Amino acid sequence: MAIPNEKLAESLAKLKELQEGGRRVFRSNELSRIHRGRLVANGFIQEVIKGWLISAGTGARAGDSTPWYASFWEFCARYCNERFGDQWHLSAEQSLCLHGEKTVIPDQIVVNSPKGSNNSISLPFGTSIYDLKVPVMPLTSDLMIRDGLRLFSPAASLVRVTESFIAKNPVEMQVVLTHLGDISDLLRLLLNGGHSAKAGCLAGALRQIGRSAMADEIIGTMKSAGYDARENNPFDAAEIFGAPAAVAPIVRRLRMLWESARPVILEAFPIAPGLPKDVDAYLRHVDEIYKNDAYHSLSIEGYSVSPEVIEKVRQGNWSPEDNEEDRKSRDALAARGYWQAFQLVKTAVQKVIAGENPGALARTAHKEWHRALFQPCVSAGLIDAGALAGYRNIPVYIRNSRHVPPRWEVVRDAMPAFFDLLEQETATGVRAVLGHWLFGYIHPYADGNGRMARFLMNVMLASGGYPWTVIRVEDRDAYLDALDRAGIDTDIGPFAEFMARRVKGALEQRD
């Protein structure tokens, strides 16, 4: 007779077959009732709605939204394909957001289909699909498929979104407008639909971002066809983010986020004290704060690391080669990795206060920091050696956050652009706040991004003479909420103010 563990193993083997190719979403009838019951009971799968299941993974906790957010877009695509066949597409607004590299999980998506019923389907964690019944499908040339989702093309999205949407979403609009290589498709849609008001709005938007030739072409062509197209600018002056460049959409998005956030940070942040005159005293303070910093930074990430473990690591009494308990201790391994990385970061701080450009230094040094963080886990055999290779090649998700980091395919464009911005920035507070936030926003690594962002923050702070600043575990909720506001609503204010308070506290303690 098979024992319970053997039965669960059989069910897991069936699940593994379904997960081939990275699938996370399944129909209930793809698993037998017995396998389904075992996997649900043991937390490996969860029901979304009747008849639909998602993978939950082994680390999911009760009430954890991460498995759902990780499966959201795949579920939408599979559900709509099964219900509507090829007779569906997302709204122009959602299409444009996705083209603009906005990866936040929306509260509701609108699916257009001739087979729709004008009903809302409630989904986990307050999300939903509204199936809007439309008379006919758009022309095939107006649609495209990306990651299984049927979207309007960039040109069709621009023509179909409302002017109020354009005004309320300046970053996404400008990312898409900047990436237009040619406006023939856009013009064709404007002309054939007689969209004179939209032509004027788009021409005004293009002129404001430095694409005057395209603006002139739209207005001139519309007038040639007999339309009274009157140019108007839909953006406020503070929402125009400079002349375009031939760059990837994610790069353009990062530049706009940086530019729009600067004034808020400059207003919130305390004046930089300047590079320290007593370098040795500054570095002694960094050494002295290590134990406190390690405890709080690791605790924020969910490691149960006691001050005793941290002290053991610092004194060199941690020995995975000779001590089986040390080799198997996930928390001790994390503490050892943190110690190793902290020493490298301290070296970077020393170079920065000696006058090196902090952004240029971090561009190369951050990869060493990451390798140091995870080398103990690799040596102990807990994770594959490939974890040390560099930037991720998989999707990642932030626990319980609707902010989904950019697609892994764009990370290699995003990171050089991020370090360009860091290197060019002149204000220390901006470097520190946006260095931390946008590193986490991009999430370039499969793991360790929070620790890396806090290391980066402190290297940037050192460039203005601010003391090493600890983000305390007791502030975790406020800290993560502020980061969420920045990632989801592109509102940097709460995070800038949170950081400013912590830095002011560090300055007062030093004095």
Protein backbone atom coordinates (compact mmCIF):
# COMPACT_ATOMS: atom_id res chain seq x y z
CA MET A 1 0.00 0.00 0.00
CA ALA A 2 1.29 3.45 -0.96
CA ILE A 3 2.09 5.71 1.98
CA PRO A 4 0.81 9.34 2.01
CA ASN A 5 4.14 10.78 0.88
CA GLU A 6 4.23 8.44 -2.11
CA LYS A 7 0.68 9.43 -3.05
CA LEU A 8 1.55 13.13 -2.86
CA ALA A 9 4.66 12.47 -4.95
CA GLU A 10 2.43 10.88 -7.64
CA SER A 11 0.24 13.97 -7.66
CA LEU A 12 3.26 16.27 -7.85
CA ALA A 13 4.55 14.30 -10.83
CA LYS A 14 1.24 14.95 -12.63
CA LEU A 15 1.49 18.64 -11.78
CA LYS A 16 5.06 18.78 -13.08
CA GLU A 17 3.86 17.42 -16.43
CA LEU A 18 1.32 20.25 -16.67
CA GLN A 19 3.94 22.84 -15.73
CA GLU A 20 6.20 22.01 -18.67
CA GLY A 21 7.04 25.15 -20.60
CA GLY A 22 6.44 27.39 -17.59
CA ARG A 23 2.66 27.01 -17.39
CA ARG A 24 1.08 28.22 -14.16
CA VAL A 25 -2.64 28.08 -15.10
CA PHE A 26 -4.70 24.90 -15.60
CA ARG A 27 -8.26 23.71 -16.05
CA SER A 28 -9.52 21.60 -13.18
CA ASN A 29 -10.27 18.70 -15.52
CA GLU A 30 -6.57 18.44 -16.41
CA LEU A 31 -6.07 16.77 -13.03
CA SER A 32 -8.08 13.92 -11.55
CA ARG A 33 -10.21 14.70 -8.51
CA ILE A 34 -7.83 12.75 -6.26
CA HIS A 35 -4.68 14.50 -7.52
CA ARG A 36 -6.43 17.85 -7.38
CA GLY A 37 -7.55 17.27 -3.77
CA ARG A 38 -4.06 16.32 -2.60
CA LEU A 39 -2.38 19.25 -4.32
CA VAL A 40 -4.89 21.80 -3.02
CA ALA A 41 -4.72 20.39 0.52
CA ASN A 42 -0.93 20.64 0.52
CA GLY A 43 -0.86 24.15 -0.95
CA PHE A 44 0.69 23.33 -4.33
CA ILE A 45 -2.27 24.62 -6.33
CA GLN A 46 -5.08 27.09 -5.66
CA GLU A 47 -8.51 27.58 -7.20
CA VAL A 48 -9.08 30.93 -8.94
CA ILE A 49 -12.69 30.45 -10.00
CA LYS A 50 -14.66 27.29 -10.52
CA GLY A 51 -12.87 25.12 -13.05
CA TRP A 52 -9.57 27.07 -13.01
CA LEU A 53 -6.41 26.44 -10.97
CA ILE A 54 -3.01 28.08 -10.59
CA SER A 55 0.33 26.86 -9.26
CA ALA A 56 1.03 28.14 -5.76
CA GLY A 57 4.59 26.93 -5.20
CA THR A 58 6.05 25.71 -1.95
CA GLY A 59 6.66 29.11 -0.35
CA ALA A 60 3.15 30.55 -0.53
CA ARG A 61 1.53 31.48 2.77
CA ALA A 62 -2.14 31.88 3.65
CA GLY A 63 -3.39 35.13 2.15
CA ASP A 64 -0.31 35.50 -0.06
CA SER A 65 -1.25 37.27 -3.30
CA THR A 66 2.04 36.47 -5.06
CA PRO A 67 0.92 33.22 -6.79
CA TRP A 68 -2.12 35.03 -8.19
CA TYR A 69 -0.26 38.10 -9.42
CA ALA A 70 2.37 35.81 -10.97
CA SER A 71 -0.40 34.00 -12.87
CA PHE A 72 -2.67 36.96 -13.63
CA TRP A 73 -1.86 37.65 -17.28
CA GLU A 74 -1.55 33.98 -18.19
CA PHE A 75 -4.94 33.34 -16.60
CA CYS A 76 -6.51 36.24 -18.54
CA ALA A 77 -5.11 34.95 -21.82
CA ARG A 78 -6.12 31.31 -21.24
CA TYR A 79 -9.54 32.15 -19.85
CA CYS A 80 -10.37 34.48 -22.74
CA ASN A 81 -9.06 32.06 -25.35
CA GLU A 82 -11.21 29.27 -23.96
CA ARG A 83 -14.31 31.42 -23.62
CA PHE A 84 -14.06 33.60 -26.73
CA GLY A 85 -11.69 31.75 -29.06
CA ASP A 86 -9.87 34.36 -31.14
CA GLN A 87 -12.76 36.81 -30.84
CA TRP A 88 -11.42 39.03 -28.05
CA HIS A 89 -8.89 41.72 -27.28
CA LEU A 90 -7.88 43.94 -24.37
CA SER A 91 -8.99 47.55 -24.25
CA ALA A 92 -6.97 50.26 -25.97
CA GLU A 93 -6.10 51.72 -22.56
CA GLN A 94 -4.68 48.47 -21.21
CA SER A 95 -2.90 47.80 -24.50
CA LEU A 96 -1.19 51.18 -24.35
CA CYS A 97 -0.10 50.64 -20.74
CA LEU A 98 1.52 47.34 -21.69
CA HIS A 99 3.24 48.89 -24.72
CA GLY A 100 4.50 51.61 -22.35
CA GLU A 101 6.08 48.92 -20.11
CA LYS A 102 3.69 49.60 -17.23
CA THR A 103 3.68 46.24 -15.48
CA VAL A 104 1.38 46.94 -12.52
CA ILE A 105 -1.39 44.35 -12.10
CA PRO A 106 -4.62 46.34 -12.68
CA ASP A 107 -7.66 46.05 -10.45
CA GLN A 108 -9.78 45.35 -13.54
CA ILE A 109 -9.12 44.63 -17.18
CA VAL A 110 -11.70 45.22 -19.88
CA VAL A 111 -11.94 42.47 -22.49
CA ASN A 112 -13.79 43.36 -25.68
CA SER A 113 -15.58 40.59 -27.57
CA PRO A 114 -18.65 40.08 -29.74
CA LYS A 115 -19.30 37.14 -27.40
CA GLY A 116 -19.12 39.31 -24.28
CA SER A 117 -22.01 39.64 -21.85
CA ASN A 118 -21.28 42.99 -20.14
CA ASN A 119 -20.54 41.22 -16.88
CA SER A 120 -17.73 41.39 -14.35
CA ILE A 121 -15.95 38.19 -13.31
CA SER A 122 -14.60 38.54 -9.76
CA LEU A 123 -11.07 37.24 -9.29
CA PRO A 124 -8.77 36.92 -6.25
CA PHE A 125 -7.45 39.91 -4.29
CA GLY A 126 -9.96 42.42 -5.64
CA THR A 127 -9.11 41.94 -9.32
CA SER A 128 -11.67 41.30 -12.05
CA ILE A 129 -12.33 40.92 -15.76
CA TYR A 130 -15.13 42.90 -17.38
CA ASP A 131 -16.27 41.26 -20.62
CA LEU A 132 -17.58 44.10 -22.76
CA LYS A 133 -19.82 43.06 -25.64
CA VAL A 134 -18.81 44.84 -28.86
CA PRO A 135 -20.57 44.53 -32.24
CA VAL A 136 -17.56 43.42 -34.29
CA MET A 137 -13.87 42.72 -33.92
CA PRO A 138 -11.36 45.35 -35.12
CA LEU A 139 -9.37 44.77 -38.28
CA THR A 140 -6.69 42.11 -37.87
CA SER A 141 -4.07 44.72 -38.81
CA ASP A 142 -5.03 46.75 -35.71
CA LEU A 143 -4.29 43.86 -33.33
CA MET A 144 -1.22 41.94 -32.22
CA ILE A 145 -0.48 39.11 -29.79
CA ARG A 146 2.10 39.56 -27.02
CA ASP A 147 2.66 36.90 -24.36
CA GLY A 148 -0.67 35.34 -25.30
CA LEU A 149 -2.59 38.61 -24.88
CA ARG A 150 -4.52 40.11 -27.79
CA LEU A 151 -3.64 43.80 -27.79
CA PHE A 152 -4.28 46.78 -30.00
CA SER A 153 -1.12 47.73 -31.86
CA PRO A 154 0.65 50.87 -30.55
CA ALA A 155 -0.82 52.98 -33.38
CA ALA A 156 -4.37 51.64 -32.89
CA SER A 157 -4.07 52.15 -29.12
CA LEU A 158 -3.05 55.79 -29.59
CA VAL A 159 -6.03 56.49 -31.83
CA ARG A 160 -8.57 54.71 -29.63
CA VAL A 161 -7.68 55.95 -26.12
CA THR A 162 -9.51 59.02 -24.85
CA GLU A 163 -7.87 62.41 -24.51
CA SER A 164 -8.44 62.29 -20.76
CA PHE A 165 -6.49 59.00 -20.63
CA ILE A 166 -3.66 60.67 -22.54
CA ALA A 167 -3.55 63.52 -20.04
CA LYS A 168 -3.62 61.19 -17.02
CA ASN A 169 -0.91 58.81 -18.29
CA PRO A 170 1.89 61.04 -19.58
CA VAL A 171 4.72 58.56 -18.97
CA GLU A 172 3.11 55.66 -20.85
CA MET A 173 1.99 57.98 -23.66
CA GLN A 174 5.42 59.47 -24.15
CA VAL A 175 7.14 56.07 -24.02
CA VAL A 176 4.90 54.84 -26.85
CA LEU A 177 5.09 58.06 -28.88
CA THR A 178 8.87 58.16 -28.58
CA HIS A 179 9.18 54.59 -29.81
CA LEU A 180 7.21 55.20 -33.02
CA GLY A 181 9.62 54.68 -35.89
CA ASP A 182 7.16 55.88 -38.51
CA ILE A 183 3.66 57.34 -38.38
CA SER A 184 2.21 55.85 -41.55
CA ASP A 185 0.03 53.36 -39.64
CA LEU A 186 -1.03 56.03 -37.16
CA LEU A 187 -1.92 58.47 -39.94
CA ARG A 188 -3.88 55.85 -41.84
CA LEU A 189 -6.07 55.19 -38.83
CA LEU A 190 -6.58 58.91 -38.16
CA LEU A 191 -7.51 59.59 -41.77
CA ASN A 192 -9.79 56.59 -42.31
CA GLY A 193 -11.62 57.26 -39.05
CA GLY A 194 -11.85 61.02 -39.51
CA HIS A 195 -10.23 61.55 -36.11
CA SER A 196 -9.42 65.24 -36.47
CA ALA A 197 -9.56 66.05 -32.72
CA LYS A 198 -7.34 63.08 -31.85
CA ALA A 199 -4.95 64.07 -34.64
CA GLY A 200 -4.58 67.52 -33.07
CA CYS A 201 -4.00 66.00 -29.63
CA LEU A 202 -1.36 63.52 -30.84
CA ALA A 203 0.36 66.16 -32.96
CA GLY A 204 0.56 68.42 -29.90
CA ALA A 205 1.95 65.59 -27.80
CA LEU A 206 4.57 64.71 -30.41
CA ARG A 207 5.71 68.31 -30.72
CA GLN A 208 6.11 68.60 -26.95
CA ILE A 209 8.46 65.63 -26.82
CA GLY A 210 10.60 66.96 -29.66
CA ARG A 211 9.10 65.13 -32.65
CA SER A 212 8.02 68.21 -34.55
CA ALA A 213 8.43 66.64 -38.00
CA MET A 214 5.88 63.98 -37.11
CA ALA A 215 3.53 66.61 -35.68
CA ASP A 216 3.78 68.65 -38.88
CA GLU A 217 3.15 65.54 -40.97
CA ILE A 218 -0.02 64.68 -39.06
CA ILE A 219 -1.49 68.19 -39.25
CA GLY A 220 -0.47 68.69 -42.88
CA THR A 221 -1.84 65.33 -44.02
CA MET A 222 -5.12 65.73 -42.14
CA LYS A 223 -5.65 69.18 -43.69
CA SER A 224 -4.82 67.81 -47.15
CA ALA A 225 -7.65 65.32 -46.68
CA GLY A 226 -10.04 68.10 -45.72
CA TYR A 227 -10.02 67.66 -41.94
CA ASP A 228 -9.81 70.62 -39.56
CA ALA A 229 -7.09 69.25 -37.25
CA ARG A 230 -6.13 71.79 -34.59
CA GLU A 231 -3.03 71.02 -32.62
CA ASN A 232 -3.22 71.03 -28.82
CA ASN A 233 -0.82 69.92 -26.10
CA PRO A 234 -2.34 67.35 -23.68
CA PHE A 235 0.52 67.47 -21.17
CA ASP A 236 1.25 69.82 -18.28
CA ALA A 237 4.65 71.52 -18.48
CA ALA A 238 5.99 69.41 -15.59
CA GLU A 239 5.00 66.19 -17.39
CA ILE A 240 7.16 66.67 -20.51
CA PHE A 241 10.31 64.65 -20.28
CA GLY A 242 12.71 65.97 -22.87
CA ALA A 243 13.59 65.25 -26.47
CA PRO A 244 13.24 61.69 -27.73
CA ALA A 245 16.05 59.30 -28.39
CA ALA A 246 16.21 56.01 -30.28
CA VAL A 247 16.08 53.82 -27.19
CA ALA A 248 14.07 50.84 -25.95
CA PRO A 249 10.72 51.66 -24.29
CA ILE A 250 11.97 50.51 -20.88
CA VAL A 251 14.92 52.92 -21.13
CA ARG A 252 12.63 55.79 -22.04
CA ARG A 253 10.35 54.86 -19.14
CA LEU A 254 13.21 54.88 -16.62
CA ARG A 255 14.38 58.29 -17.83
CA MET A 256 10.90 59.73 -17.48
CA LEU A 257 10.40 58.25 -14.02
CA TRP A 258 13.73 59.72 -12.94
CA GLU A 259 13.00 63.16 -14.34
CA SER A 260 9.49 63.34 -12.90
CA ALA A 261 10.66 62.25 -9.42
CA ARG A 262 13.65 64.63 -9.01
CA PRO A 263 11.78 67.77 -7.84
CA VAL A 264 9.84 65.84 -5.19
CA ILE A 265 13.02 64.34 -3.73
CA LEU A 266 14.96 67.61 -3.80
CA GLU A 267 12.21 69.25 -1.77
CA ALA A 268 11.99 66.45 0.81
CA PHE A 269 15.63 65.59 1.40
CA PRO A 270 17.92 67.25 3.99
CA ILE A 271 20.92 69.23 2.71
CA ALA A 272 23.99 67.06 2.19
CA PRO A 273 26.65 67.61 4.87
CA GLY A 274 29.47 67.19 2.33
CA LEU A 275 32.28 64.65 2.15
CA PRO A 276 33.72 63.88 5.59
CA LYS A 277 36.95 65.52 6.69
CA ASP A 278 37.73 62.63 9.04
CA VAL A 279 37.57 59.66 6.68
CA ASP A 280 38.76 57.18 9.32
CA ALA A 281 35.97 58.19 11.69
CA TYR A 282 33.38 57.82 8.92
CA LEU A 283 34.62 54.31 8.09
CA ARG A 284 34.74 53.33 11.78
CA HIS A 285 31.07 54.28 11.98
CA VAL A 286 30.34 52.00 9.01
CA ASP A 287 32.10 49.14 10.81
CA GLU A 288 30.24 49.85 14.04
CA ILE A 289 26.84 49.88 12.37
CA TYR A 290 27.32 46.55 10.55
CA LYS A 291 25.68 44.38 13.22
CA ASN A 292 22.61 46.60 13.46
CA ASP A 293 22.34 46.99 9.68
CA ALA A 294 22.67 43.26 9.00
CA TYR A 295 20.01 42.38 11.57
CA HIS A 296 17.46 44.82 10.16
CA SER A 297 18.19 44.28 6.45
CA LEU A 298 18.06 40.49 6.71
CA SER A 299 14.98 40.58 8.95
CA ILE A 300 13.12 42.72 6.41
CA GLU A 301 13.71 39.93 3.89
CA GLY A 302 12.24 37.31 6.24
CA TYR A 303 15.44 35.76 7.58
CA SER A 304 15.28 34.92 11.29
CA VAL A 305 18.80 36.12 11.99
CA SER A 306 19.69 36.82 15.59
CA PRO A 307 22.41 39.25 16.66
CA GLU A 308 24.24 36.17 18.01
CA VAL A 309 24.38 34.56 14.56
CA ILE A 310 25.61 37.83 13.04
CA GLU A 311 28.31 38.12 15.71
CA LYS A 312 29.33 34.51 15.15
CA VAL A 313 29.80 35.22 11.45
CA ARG A 314 31.72 38.43 12.10
CA GLN A 315 34.13 36.75 14.51
CA GLY A 316 34.85 33.98 12.02
CA ASN A 317 33.24 31.21 14.09
CA TRP A 318 30.89 30.20 11.28
CA SER A 319 32.33 27.17 9.48
CA PRO A 320 30.13 25.32 6.97
CA GLU A 321 33.13 23.16 5.99
CA ASP A 322 33.39 21.64 9.48
CA ASN A 323 29.99 22.24 11.06
CA GLU A 324 26.95 20.44 9.65
CA GLU A 325 24.55 22.79 11.45
CA ASP A 326 26.24 25.82 9.89
CA ARG A 327 26.16 24.23 6.44
CA LYS A 328 22.41 23.62 6.60
CA SER A 329 21.40 26.88 8.23
CA ARG A 330 19.68 29.07 5.65
CA ASP A 331 19.76 32.03 8.00
CA ALA A 332 23.44 31.64 8.84
CA LEU A 333 24.26 31.32 5.15
CA ALA A 334 22.37 34.55 4.48
CA ALA A 335 24.26 36.24 7.32
CA ARG A 336 27.60 35.06 5.96
CA GLY A 337 26.72 36.32 2.49
CA TYR A 338 25.69 39.66 3.95
CA TRP A 339 28.99 39.97 5.82
CA GLN A 340 30.96 39.25 2.65
CA ALA A 341 28.97 41.73 0.58
CA PHE A 342 29.14 44.37 3.33
CA GLN A 343 32.95 44.33 3.20
CA LEU A 344 32.86 45.01 -0.54
CA VAL A 345 30.31 47.77 -0.09
CA LYS A 346 32.48 49.35 2.59
CA THR A 347 35.35 49.42 0.08
CA ALA A 348 33.05 51.15 -2.40
CA VAL A 349 32.09 53.71 0.26
CA GLN A 350 35.77 54.40 0.90
CA LYS A 351 36.35 55.07 -2.81
CA VAL A 352 33.29 57.29 -3.06
CA ILE A 353 34.30 59.53 -0.16
CA ALA A 354 37.73 59.76 -1.81
CA GLY A 355 35.99 61.35 -4.80
CA GLU A 356 35.07 58.55 -7.23
CA ASN A 357 31.78 58.90 -9.13
CA PRO A 358 29.36 56.71 -7.15
CA GLY A 359 27.25 55.72 -10.15
CA ALA A 360 30.26 54.71 -12.24
CA LEU A 361 31.68 52.71 -9.33
CA ALA A 362 28.38 50.94 -8.61
CA ARG A 363 28.00 50.02 -12.29
CA THR A 364 30.80 47.47 -11.96
CA ALA A 365 30.87 46.81 -8.20
CA HIS A 366 27.22 45.77 -7.78
CA LYS A 367 27.79 42.45 -9.54
CA GLU A 368 30.53 41.60 -7.05
CA TRP A 369 28.19 42.46 -4.16
CA HIS A 370 25.55 40.10 -5.52
CA ARG A 371 28.00 37.25 -5.99
CA ALA A 372 29.23 37.71 -2.42
CA LEU A 373 25.66 37.62 -1.06
CA PHE A 374 24.93 34.20 -2.55
CA GLN A 375 28.34 32.49 -2.67
CA PRO A 376 27.77 30.74 0.71
CA CYS A 377 24.46 29.26 -0.48
CA VAL A 378 26.11 28.04 -3.68
CA SER A 379 29.04 26.53 -1.76
CA ALA A 380 26.62 24.74 0.56
CA GLY A 381 24.70 23.35 -2.41
CA LEU A 382 21.44 25.06 -1.46
CA ILE A 383 21.18 26.94 -4.76
CA ASP A 384 22.62 26.30 -8.21
CA ALA A 385 25.90 27.89 -9.20
CA GLY A 386 24.04 29.61 -12.03
CA ALA A 387 22.64 32.03 -9.42
CA LEU A 388 26.01 33.79 -9.54
CA ALA A 389 25.89 34.30 -13.32
CA GLY A 390 24.27 37.74 -13.32
CA TYR A 391 20.95 39.24 -14.26
CA ARG A 392 17.84 37.09 -14.23
CA ASN A 393 16.44 35.21 -17.20
CA ILE A 394 13.08 34.47 -15.60
CA PRO A 395 10.04 36.50 -14.50
CA VAL A 396 10.07 37.60 -10.86
CA TYR A 397 7.30 38.82 -8.58
CA ILE A 398 7.32 40.87 -5.39
CA ARG A 399 5.45 39.22 -2.55
CA ASN A 400 1.95 40.66 -2.12
CA SER A 401 2.57 43.59 -4.47
CA ARG A 402 0.63 44.54 -7.61
CA HIS A 403 3.86 45.97 -9.00
CA VAL A 404 5.36 43.39 -11.34
CA PRO A 405 9.01 44.05 -12.25
CA PRO A 406 9.77 44.56 -15.96
CA ARG A 407 9.97 41.54 -18.24
CA TRP A 408 13.32 39.76 -17.96
CA GLU A 409 13.90 40.37 -21.67
CA VAL A 410 14.25 44.13 -21.05
CA VAL A 411 16.49 43.98 -17.96
CA ARG A 412 19.67 44.08 -20.05
CA ASP A 413 18.51 47.35 -21.62
CA ALA A 414 17.28 48.73 -18.31
CA MET A 415 20.39 48.28 -16.16
CA PRO A 416 22.91 50.23 -18.29
CA ALA A 417 20.32 53.04 -18.58
CA PHE A 418 19.81 52.97 -14.81
CA PHE A 419 23.55 53.35 -14.15
CA ASP A 420 23.77 56.11 -16.76
CA LEU A 421 21.18 58.03 -14.76
CA LEU A 422 23.01 57.38 -11.48
CA GLU A 423 26.32 58.45 -12.97
CA GLN A 424 24.92 61.68 -14.42
CA GLU A 425 22.91 62.72 -11.35
CA THR A 426 24.35 65.64 -9.37
CA ALA A 427 22.09 65.57 -6.27
CA THR A 428 23.04 63.02 -3.60
CA GLY A 429 19.49 62.67 -2.27
CA VAL A 430 18.16 61.90 -5.75
CA ARG A 431 20.91 59.33 -6.31
CA ALA A 432 20.09 57.64 -3.00
CA VAL A 433 16.29 57.60 -3.29
CA LEU A 434 16.06 56.72 -6.98
CA GLY A 435 19.06 54.40 -6.81
CA HIS A 436 17.20 52.37 -4.19
CA TRP A 437 13.74 52.58 -5.73
CA LEU A 438 14.59 51.96 -9.38
CA PHE A 439 16.98 49.12 -8.59
CA GLY A 440 14.09 47.42 -6.82
CA TYR A 441 11.68 48.49 -9.56
CA ILE A 442 13.80 46.75 -12.23
CA HIS A 443 14.53 43.79 -9.92
CA PRO A 444 17.51 42.67 -12.03
CA TYR A 445 18.27 39.56 -9.98
CA ALA A 446 16.20 36.51 -9.14
CA ASP A 447 16.88 37.14 -5.43
CA GLY A 448 18.65 39.65 -3.20
CA ASN A 449 17.27 42.80 -4.79
CA GLY A 450 16.14 44.42 -1.53
CA ARG A 451 19.52 43.96 0.16
CA MET A 452 21.29 45.19 -2.96
CA ALA A 453 19.05 48.27 -3.16
CA ARG A 454 19.86 49.18 0.45
CA PHE A 455 23.59 48.70 -0.17
CA LEU A 456 23.34 50.90 -3.24
CA MET A 457 21.40 53.52 -1.27
CA ASN A 458 24.16 53.77 1.32
CA VAL A 459 26.93 54.06 -1.24
CA MET A 460 24.99 56.93 -2.84
CA LEU A 461 24.42 58.54 0.57
CA ALA A 462 28.16 58.39 1.27
CA SER A 463 28.81 60.51 -1.83
CA GLY A 464 27.18 63.45 -0.02
CA GLY A 465 28.65 62.69 3.39
CA TYR A 466 25.40 61.37 4.86
CA PRO A 467 25.98 58.62 7.46
CA TRP A 468 25.14 54.98 6.79
CA THR A 469 21.38 54.73 7.23
CA VAL A 470 19.55 51.64 8.47
CA ILE A 471 16.03 50.76 7.34
CA ARG A 472 14.60 49.19 10.51
CA VAL A 473 12.53 46.02 10.50
CA GLU A 474 9.92 47.74 12.68
CA ASP A 475 9.41 50.19 9.78
CA ARG A 476 8.99 47.35 7.29
CA ASP A 477 5.30 47.93 6.56
CA ALA A 478 5.72 51.69 6.05
CA TYR A 479 8.83 51.08 3.94
CA LEU A 480 7.22 48.52 1.65
CA ASP A 481 4.00 50.55 1.39
CA ALA A 482 6.02 53.59 0.27
CA LEU A 483 7.88 51.48 -2.31
CA ASP A 484 4.54 50.11 -3.51
CA ARG A 485 3.14 53.63 -3.94
CA ALA A 486 6.16 54.49 -6.06
CA GLY A 487 5.93 51.33 -8.16
CA ILE A 488 2.16 51.19 -8.61
CA ASP A 489 1.11 54.85 -8.69
CA THR A 490 4.49 56.35 -9.73
CA ASP A 491 4.18 58.51 -6.60
CA ILE A 492 7.69 58.89 -5.20
CA GLY A 493 6.59 61.31 -2.46
CA PRO A 494 5.95 58.79 0.37
CA PHE A 495 9.24 56.98 -0.25
CA ALA A 496 11.23 60.23 -0.51
CA GLU A 497 9.73 61.38 2.79
CA PHE A 498 10.35 57.98 4.43
CA MET A 499 13.98 58.04 3.34
CA ALA A 500 14.40 61.66 4.42
CA ARG A 501 13.15 60.82 7.93
CA ARG A 502 15.55 57.90 8.26
CA VAL A 503 18.50 59.96 7.01
CA LYS A 504 17.64 62.85 9.35
CA GLY A 505 17.52 60.34 12.21
CA ALA A 506 20.95 59.00 11.25
CA LEU A 507 22.33 62.56 11.12
CA GLU A 508 20.95 63.33 14.58
CA GLN A 509 22.40 60.14 16.05
CA ARG A 510 25.80 60.94 14.58
CA ASP A 511 25.76 64.45 16.03
